[in-house]
């Protein structure tokens, strides 16, 4: 039988109404990190959160599994890569969402296929925004998913216009888009075009995906290029 804490933890004293106590306590551990602190010991985390060490250890195991914390070589705990991913989504969402989502919605309305906006995140690409096709058979990708950078039309566009010097990307740079079938997944095809900012920097890629039987690049490519051009102009870029 679990022992009752002699003193309530910080999470217990500020619990979310109708929430889950374990989640409140786990989040309180994340709140223990302060600016300038690379890592904290189990004792420091338990002390700051006013949790038993055994409780903190179990919660940290779950946070580590979710990549929200990571163990350092000396056994301490640091914030994990999952925090960086969420931060990237959070920051990008504020500046781009009002511009990107209406364009994706228009693209889906015109093509009846799924549209997404991808950004590069390290050696992967992040599906930052997504509007699903109204058709039952469609690409199952969701906003927030991490996808390969070197496979799929969206990834290849980010590589081609993001500094990759391989000659394999010359055709994409020359034509200004990538159309590929079965590149990332055998049953899916995609068409993608780059979006640029005011300084000519690559901001992301607009990508249309569909099951391979509905892949018609001659018909689907122009709306994708138009959507990318519309976003580039909205961001102050040149679509020449």
Protein backbone atom coordinates (compact mmCIF):
# COMPACT_ATOMS: atom_id res chain seq x y z
CA UNK A 1 0.00 0.00 0.00
CA UNK A 2 1.55 3.36 -1.02
CA UNK A 3 2.54 5.57 1.84
CA UNK A 4 0.92 8.94 2.24
CA UNK A 5 3.23 11.88 1.78
CA UNK A 6 3.99 13.79 4.97
CA UNK A 7 4.03 17.01 2.93
CA UNK A 8 2.08 17.73 -0.22
CA UNK A 9 4.15 18.16 -3.36
CA UNK A 10 4.06 21.38 -5.37
CA UNK A 11 1.87 19.64 -7.94
CA UNK A 12 -0.60 18.52 -5.27
CA UNK A 13 -0.86 22.08 -3.96
CA UNK A 14 -1.60 23.43 -7.44
CA UNK A 15 -3.45 20.50 -9.04
CA UNK A 16 -5.44 20.97 -12.23
CA UNK A 17 -9.20 20.79 -11.48
CA UNK A 18 -10.44 17.49 -12.86
CA UNK A 19 -6.92 16.58 -14.00
CA UNK A 20 -4.68 13.58 -13.39
CA UNK A 21 -2.39 13.78 -10.37
CA UNK A 22 0.40 11.80 -12.07
CA UNK A 23 0.43 14.20 -15.03
CA UNK A 24 0.51 17.21 -12.70
CA UNK A 25 3.50 15.72 -10.87
CA UNK A 26 5.35 14.85 -14.07
CA UNK A 27 4.86 18.36 -15.40
CA UNK A 28 6.05 19.80 -12.10
CA UNK A 29 9.37 18.01 -12.69
CA UNK A 30 9.73 19.74 -16.05
CA UNK A 31 9.02 23.03 -14.30
CA UNK A 32 12.02 22.47 -12.03
CA UNK A 33 14.48 23.35 -14.82
CA UNK A 34 15.63 26.94 -14.87
CA UNK A 35 17.52 29.04 -17.40
CA UNK A 36 21.23 28.30 -17.38
CA UNK A 37 20.89 24.83 -15.86
CA UNK A 38 22.08 22.13 -18.22
CA UNK A 39 21.04 19.21 -16.02
CA UNK A 40 19.73 18.36 -12.53
CA UNK A 41 20.26 15.40 -10.23
CA UNK A 42 17.42 13.20 -9.02
CA UNK A 43 17.86 14.71 -5.55
CA UNK A 44 17.58 18.25 -6.93
CA UNK A 45 14.45 17.40 -8.89
CA UNK A 46 12.84 15.64 -5.94
CA UNK A 47 13.70 18.51 -3.64
CA UNK A 48 12.38 21.24 -5.90
CA UNK A 49 9.16 19.38 -6.71
CA UNK A 50 8.76 18.11 -3.11
CA UNK A 51 8.23 14.57 -4.41
CA UNK A 52 9.69 11.39 -2.97
CA UNK A 53 12.75 10.29 -4.91
CA UNK A 54 11.06 7.00 -5.76
CA UNK A 55 8.04 8.84 -7.17
CA UNK A 56 10.21 11.28 -9.11
CA UNK A 57 12.22 8.40 -10.55
CA UNK A 58 9.11 6.66 -11.91
CA UNK A 59 7.82 9.87 -13.43
CA UNK A 60 11.19 10.64 -14.97
CA UNK A 61 11.17 7.21 -16.64
CA UNK A 62 7.93 8.14 -18.41
CA UNK A 63 9.24 11.58 -19.36
CA UNK A 64 12.41 9.99 -20.72
CA UNK A 65 10.38 7.54 -22.79
CA UNK A 66 8.53 10.51 -24.32
CA UNK A 67 11.90 12.24 -24.99
CA UNK A 68 10.91 15.12 -22.73
CA UNK A 69 13.94 14.48 -20.53
CA UNK A 70 17.22 12.70 -21.22
CA UNK A 71 19.84 11.10 -18.98
CA UNK A 72 23.31 12.59 -19.19
CA UNK A 73 26.52 10.57 -18.99
CA UNK A 74 26.90 11.40 -15.29
CA UNK A 75 23.36 10.23 -14.43
CA UNK A 76 21.72 13.63 -14.21
CA UNK A 77 18.59 14.68 -16.11
CA UNK A 78 18.38 17.29 -18.87
CA UNK A 79 15.50 18.46 -21.02
CA UNK A 80 15.09 16.15 -24.01
CA UNK A 81 14.74 16.48 -27.76
CA UNK A 82 10.96 16.27 -27.50
CA UNK A 83 10.94 19.68 -25.82
CA UNK A 84 12.88 21.16 -28.75
CA UNK A 85 10.42 19.65 -31.24
CA UNK A 86 7.42 21.07 -29.39
CA UNK A 87 9.17 24.43 -29.12
CA UNK A 88 9.77 24.47 -32.88
CA UNK A 89 6.11 23.73 -33.55
CA UNK A 90 5.03 26.39 -31.06
CA UNK A 91 7.25 29.14 -32.47
CA UNK A 92 6.49 28.40 -36.11
CA UNK A 93 2.76 28.12 -35.50
CA UNK A 94 2.40 31.70 -34.32
CA UNK A 95 4.00 33.26 -37.37
CA UNK A 96 2.79 30.94 -40.12
CA UNK A 97 -0.56 29.42 -39.21
CA UNK A 98 -2.79 32.35 -40.29
CA UNK A 99 -1.04 32.39 -43.67
CA UNK A 100 -0.52 28.70 -44.35
CA UNK A 101 -3.79 27.08 -43.31
CA UNK A 102 -6.08 29.02 -45.69
CA UNK A 103 -3.75 28.21 -48.61
CA UNK A 104 -3.73 24.50 -47.72
CA UNK A 105 -7.52 24.52 -47.42
CA UNK A 106 -7.84 26.11 -50.86
CA UNK A 107 -5.44 23.55 -52.32
CA UNK A 108 -7.46 20.65 -50.89
CA UNK A 109 -10.73 22.18 -52.10
CA UNK A 110 -9.30 22.41 -55.62
CA UNK A 111 -7.58 19.02 -55.83
CA UNK A 112 -9.54 16.88 -53.34
CA UNK A 113 -6.18 15.54 -52.09
CA UNK A 114 -4.30 16.05 -48.79
CA UNK A 115 -2.09 19.12 -48.42
CA UNK A 116 0.67 19.78 -45.90
CA UNK A 117 3.34 22.30 -45.03
CA UNK A 118 6.71 20.78 -44.13
CA UNK A 119 9.70 22.40 -42.45
CA UNK A 120 13.16 20.99 -41.88
CA UNK A 121 14.06 19.90 -38.37
CA UNK A 122 17.63 18.63 -38.17
CA UNK A 123 17.96 15.55 -40.34
CA UNK A 124 14.17 15.07 -40.57
CA UNK A 125 11.19 17.06 -41.74
CA UNK A 126 8.25 18.09 -39.63
CA UNK A 127 4.68 18.12 -40.92
CA UNK A 128 3.83 21.48 -39.37
CA UNK A 129 0.35 21.91 -40.85
CA UNK A 130 -1.99 19.49 -42.55
CA UNK A 131 -5.42 19.49 -44.20
CA UNK A 132 -6.87 16.07 -45.02
CA UNK A 133 -8.38 15.00 -48.31
CA UNK A 134 -12.17 14.54 -48.10
CA UNK A 135 -11.71 11.13 -49.74
CA UNK A 136 -11.62 7.96 -47.65
CA UNK A 137 -8.33 6.69 -49.10
CA UNK A 138 -5.64 9.23 -48.26
CA UNK A 139 -2.19 9.77 -46.81
CA UNK A 140 -2.44 9.03 -43.04
CA UNK A 141 0.22 11.59 -42.04
CA UNK A 142 -0.78 14.03 -39.28
CA UNK A 143 0.43 17.47 -38.22
CA UNK A 144 3.35 17.01 -35.84
CA UNK A 145 4.66 13.84 -37.53
CA UNK A 146 8.36 13.61 -38.27
CA UNK A 147 9.17 12.20 -41.70
CA UNK A 148 12.34 11.28 -43.62
CA UNK A 149 14.21 14.19 -45.15
CA UNK A 150 15.72 12.27 -48.04
CA UNK A 151 12.54 10.48 -49.15
CA UNK A 152 9.24 11.86 -50.36
CA UNK A 153 8.55 14.94 -52.47
CA UNK A 154 8.44 17.33 -49.49
CA UNK A 155 11.73 16.10 -48.09
CA UNK A 156 13.48 16.28 -51.44
CA UNK A 157 12.34 19.88 -51.94
CA UNK A 158 13.69 20.84 -48.51
CA UNK A 159 16.99 19.17 -49.39
CA UNK A 160 17.21 20.69 -52.87
CA UNK A 161 16.55 24.26 -51.76
CA UNK A 162 18.10 23.95 -48.31
CA UNK A 163 21.73 23.71 -49.36
CA UNK A 164 22.21 20.11 -50.48
CA UNK A 165 24.91 20.11 -53.14
CA UNK A 166 24.23 16.65 -54.58
CA UNK A 167 23.68 16.70 -58.33
CA UNK A 168 20.64 14.49 -57.79
CA UNK A 169 18.76 17.63 -56.69
CA UNK A 170 19.70 19.74 -59.73
CA UNK A 171 16.53 18.79 -61.61
CA UNK A 172 14.32 19.82 -58.66
CA UNK A 173 16.14 23.15 -58.35
CA UNK A 174 15.87 23.76 -62.09
CA UNK A 175 12.17 22.91 -62.33
CA UNK A 176 11.17 24.43 -58.99
CA UNK A 177 9.23 21.42 -57.70
CA UNK A 178 9.43 17.69 -57.03
CA UNK A 179 6.89 15.09 -58.17
CA UNK A 180 7.46 11.52 -57.00
CA UNK A 181 5.50 8.30 -56.76
CA UNK A 182 6.34 5.52 -54.29
CA UNK A 183 9.38 7.37 -52.98
CA UNK A 184 8.54 7.39 -49.26
CA UNK A 185 5.73 4.82 -49.25
CA UNK A 186 4.94 2.48 -52.16
CA UNK A 187 1.23 3.33 -52.25
CA UNK A 188 1.60 7.12 -52.01
CA UNK A 189 2.69 9.87 -54.38
CA UNK A 190 3.42 13.53 -53.80
CA UNK A 191 4.09 16.87 -55.44
CA UNK A 192 5.93 19.57 -53.52
CA UNK A 193 7.22 23.11 -54.11
CA UNK A 194 9.36 25.43 -51.96
CA UNK A 195 8.20 28.51 -50.05
CA UNK A 196 10.65 31.37 -49.53
CA UNK A 197 10.79 34.33 -47.15
CA UNK A 198 11.59 38.01 -47.64
CA UNK A 199 15.36 37.43 -47.59
CA UNK A 200 15.14 34.58 -50.08
CA UNK A 201 15.54 31.99 -47.34
CA UNK A 202 13.75 28.64 -47.55
CA UNK A 203 10.81 28.66 -45.13
CA UNK A 204 9.21 25.32 -45.94
CA UNK A 205 7.51 23.25 -48.59
CA UNK A 206 3.90 22.93 -49.71
CA UNK A 207 3.16 19.28 -50.44
CA UNK A 208 0.17 17.55 -51.99
CA UNK A 209 -0.09 13.79 -51.35
CA UNK A 210 -2.40 11.15 -52.73
CA UNK A 211 -2.70 7.37 -53.30
CA UNK A 212 -0.68 6.41 -56.38
CA UNK A 213 -3.78 5.52 -58.49
CA UNK A 214 -4.90 9.18 -58.20
CA UNK A 215 -1.45 10.61 -59.04
CA UNK A 216 -1.83 12.99 -62.00
CA UNK A 217 1.16 15.36 -61.93
CA UNK A 218 0.16 17.22 -65.09
CA UNK A 219 -3.11 18.26 -63.41
CA UNK A 220 -1.98 18.47 -59.78
CA UNK A 221 1.36 20.25 -60.22
CA UNK A 222 0.00 23.71 -61.22
CA UNK A 223 -2.16 24.16 -58.07
CA UNK A 224 0.81 23.17 -55.87
CA UNK A 225 3.10 25.69 -57.59
CA UNK A 226 0.39 28.35 -57.28
CA UNK A 227 -0.02 27.65 -53.55
CA UNK A 228 3.74 27.87 -52.96
CA UNK A 229 3.90 31.11 -54.93
CA UNK A 230 0.98 32.56 -52.95
CA UNK A 231 2.69 31.79 -49.64
CA UNK A 232 6.03 33.12 -50.83
CA UNK A 233 4.44 36.43 -51.79
CA UNK A 234 2.54 36.56 -48.47
CA UNK A 235 5.85 36.15 -46.63
CA UNK A 236 7.43 39.00 -48.58
CA UNK A 237 9.39 36.77 -50.90
CA UNK A 238 9.86 36.98 -54.64
CA UNK A 239 8.03 34.46 -56.78
CA UNK A 240 9.86 35.39 -59.98
